[in-house]
């Protein structure tokens, strides 16, 4: 779980840092370097956390039940429910608008997230894990 320092930054400093981060992120997106930018910046845990949050928001927009989302993404019901409440008041509308405008195939992304670590559905080696000695 990511940790935040107990030492608080001044609000003005935090806003300036956040603005500069936003500019750097936009610049990398224009150059198609977003994946590399985030890959260098985020830890594995942070990447998983953000990917799951992204998945929750998208699934909520498709009217998938909160309990199913929590079970599928291995997240606590309370976390998904809290995000559902924010979704209901329109907190994630700009993200969803961006997805719609760019016609991103989120279902393929979600399939990769949900199937991470599972054996392939078909083909050679899909049952190999049963015979591995531990």
Protein backbone atom coordinates (compact mmCIF):
# COMPACT_ATOMS: atom_id res chain seq x y z
CA UNK A 1 0.00 0.00 0.00
CA UNK A 2 1.44 3.40 -0.96
CA UNK A 3 2.38 5.66 1.91
CA UNK A 4 2.29 9.43 2.13
CA UNK A 5 4.74 11.32 4.27
CA UNK A 6 3.31 12.70 7.50
CA UNK A 7 5.01 16.02 6.72
CA UNK A 8 2.48 18.16 4.86
CA UNK A 9 3.42 20.47 2.01
CA UNK A 10 2.01 23.96 1.82
CA UNK A 11 -1.14 24.06 -0.31
CA UNK A 12 0.47 26.49 -2.77
CA UNK A 13 3.52 24.24 -3.19
CA UNK A 14 1.36 21.14 -3.62
CA UNK A 15 -0.76 22.88 -6.28
CA UNK A 16 2.36 23.97 -8.18
CA UNK A 17 3.80 20.44 -8.03
CA UNK A 18 0.53 18.95 -9.20
CA UNK A 19 0.37 21.45 -12.07
CA UNK A 20 3.92 20.61 -13.18
CA UNK A 21 3.15 16.90 -12.96
CA UNK A 22 0.06 17.46 -15.14
CA UNK A 23 2.11 19.33 -17.74
CA UNK A 24 4.76 16.59 -17.84
CA UNK A 25 2.07 13.92 -18.16
CA UNK A 26 0.34 15.77 -21.02
CA UNK A 27 3.67 16.28 -22.79
CA UNK A 28 4.47 12.55 -22.56
CA UNK A 29 0.98 11.70 -23.83
CA UNK A 30 1.47 13.86 -26.90
CA UNK A 31 4.73 12.07 -27.64
CA UNK A 32 3.18 8.63 -26.98
CA UNK A 33 5.52 8.14 -24.05
CA UNK A 34 2.88 7.84 -21.33
CA UNK A 35 3.54 4.16 -20.65
CA UNK A 36 7.26 4.80 -20.26
CA UNK A 37 6.61 7.92 -18.17
CA UNK A 38 4.32 6.07 -15.76
CA UNK A 39 6.49 2.95 -15.83
CA UNK A 40 9.46 4.91 -14.53
CA UNK A 41 7.44 6.89 -12.01
CA UNK A 42 5.09 4.36 -10.39
CA UNK A 43 5.84 1.27 -8.33
CA UNK A 44 4.25 -2.07 -9.21
CA UNK A 45 1.74 -1.65 -6.37
CA UNK A 46 0.74 1.81 -7.56
CA UNK A 47 0.27 0.57 -11.13
CA UNK A 48 -2.01 -2.25 -9.93
CA UNK A 49 -3.96 0.11 -7.69
CA UNK A 50 -4.53 2.63 -10.50
CA UNK A 51 -5.45 -0.08 -13.00
CA UNK A 52 -8.04 -1.50 -10.61
CA UNK A 53 -9.50 1.94 -9.92
CA UNK A 54 -9.73 2.55 -13.65
CA UNK A 55 -11.51 -0.79 -14.07
CA UNK A 56 -13.97 0.01 -11.28
CA UNK A 57 -14.91 3.33 -12.84
CA UNK A 58 -15.45 1.78 -16.25
CA UNK A 59 -17.48 -1.14 -14.91
CA UNK A 60 -19.64 1.23 -12.88
CA UNK A 61 -20.35 3.17 -16.08
CA UNK A 62 -21.57 -0.09 -17.64
CA UNK A 63 -23.95 -0.66 -14.68
CA UNK A 64 -22.08 -3.72 -13.36
CA UNK A 65 -23.12 -4.48 -9.75
CA UNK A 66 -20.73 -3.34 -7.00
CA UNK A 67 -20.54 -6.83 -5.47
CA UNK A 68 -19.52 -8.37 -8.81
CA UNK A 69 -16.84 -5.70 -9.37
CA UNK A 70 -15.38 -6.24 -5.90
CA UNK A 71 -15.29 -10.01 -6.36
CA UNK A 72 -13.85 -9.89 -9.88
CA UNK A 73 -11.09 -7.40 -9.13
CA UNK A 74 -10.32 -8.84 -5.68
CA UNK A 75 -11.07 -5.51 -4.00
CA UNK A 76 -12.92 -4.84 -0.79
CA UNK A 77 -16.63 -4.17 -1.13
CA UNK A 78 -16.26 -0.94 0.87
CA UNK A 79 -13.64 0.47 -1.55
CA UNK A 80 -15.78 -0.27 -4.60
CA UNK A 81 -18.89 1.06 -2.85
CA UNK A 82 -17.07 4.30 -1.92
CA UNK A 83 -16.02 4.72 -5.57
CA UNK A 84 -19.61 3.99 -6.60
CA UNK A 85 -20.84 6.87 -4.46
CA UNK A 86 -18.30 9.20 -6.10
CA UNK A 87 -19.36 7.90 -9.51
CA UNK A 88 -23.01 8.64 -8.68
CA UNK A 89 -22.23 12.32 -7.97
CA UNK A 90 -20.29 12.66 -11.24
CA UNK A 91 -16.74 12.65 -9.90
CA UNK A 92 -15.37 10.54 -12.79
CA UNK A 93 -17.31 12.11 -15.67
CA UNK A 94 -14.26 13.73 -17.31
CA UNK A 95 -12.40 10.39 -17.37
CA UNK A 96 -15.38 8.60 -18.93
CA UNK A 97 -15.81 11.41 -21.47
CA UNK A 98 -12.16 11.02 -22.51
CA UNK A 99 -12.61 7.27 -22.94
CA UNK A 100 -15.67 7.79 -25.14
CA UNK A 101 -13.98 10.48 -27.24
CA UNK A 102 -10.90 8.34 -27.89
CA UNK A 103 -12.92 5.15 -28.47
CA UNK A 104 -10.62 3.10 -26.25
CA UNK A 105 -11.49 -0.61 -26.13
CA UNK A 106 -11.60 -0.94 -22.37
CA UNK A 107 -13.02 -4.48 -22.47
CA UNK A 108 -9.72 -5.82 -23.84
CA UNK A 109 -7.81 -3.97 -21.14
CA UNK A 110 -10.13 -5.32 -18.44
CA UNK A 111 -9.76 -8.86 -19.73
CA UNK A 112 -5.99 -8.59 -19.33
CA UNK A 113 -6.39 -7.23 -15.79
CA UNK A 114 -8.88 -9.91 -14.77
CA UNK A 115 -6.95 -12.78 -16.38
CA UNK A 116 -3.55 -11.75 -14.99
CA UNK A 117 -1.86 -14.81 -13.58
CA UNK A 118 -4.41 -17.27 -14.94
CA UNK A 119 -3.53 -20.03 -17.42
CA UNK A 120 -4.37 -19.44 -21.11
CA UNK A 121 -7.93 -20.35 -22.18
CA UNK A 122 -6.79 -22.56 -25.05
CA UNK A 123 -3.67 -24.00 -26.62
CA UNK A 124 -0.61 -25.89 -25.46
CA UNK A 125 0.44 -25.54 -21.88
CA UNK A 126 -2.87 -24.39 -20.47
CA UNK A 127 -2.88 -27.20 -17.90
CA UNK A 128 0.87 -27.32 -17.35
CA UNK A 129 0.54 -25.65 -13.94
CA UNK A 130 -1.18 -28.80 -12.63
CA UNK A 131 1.93 -30.90 -13.20
CA UNK A 132 4.50 -28.46 -11.85
CA UNK A 133 6.31 -29.64 -8.71
CA UNK A 134 6.34 -27.16 -5.90
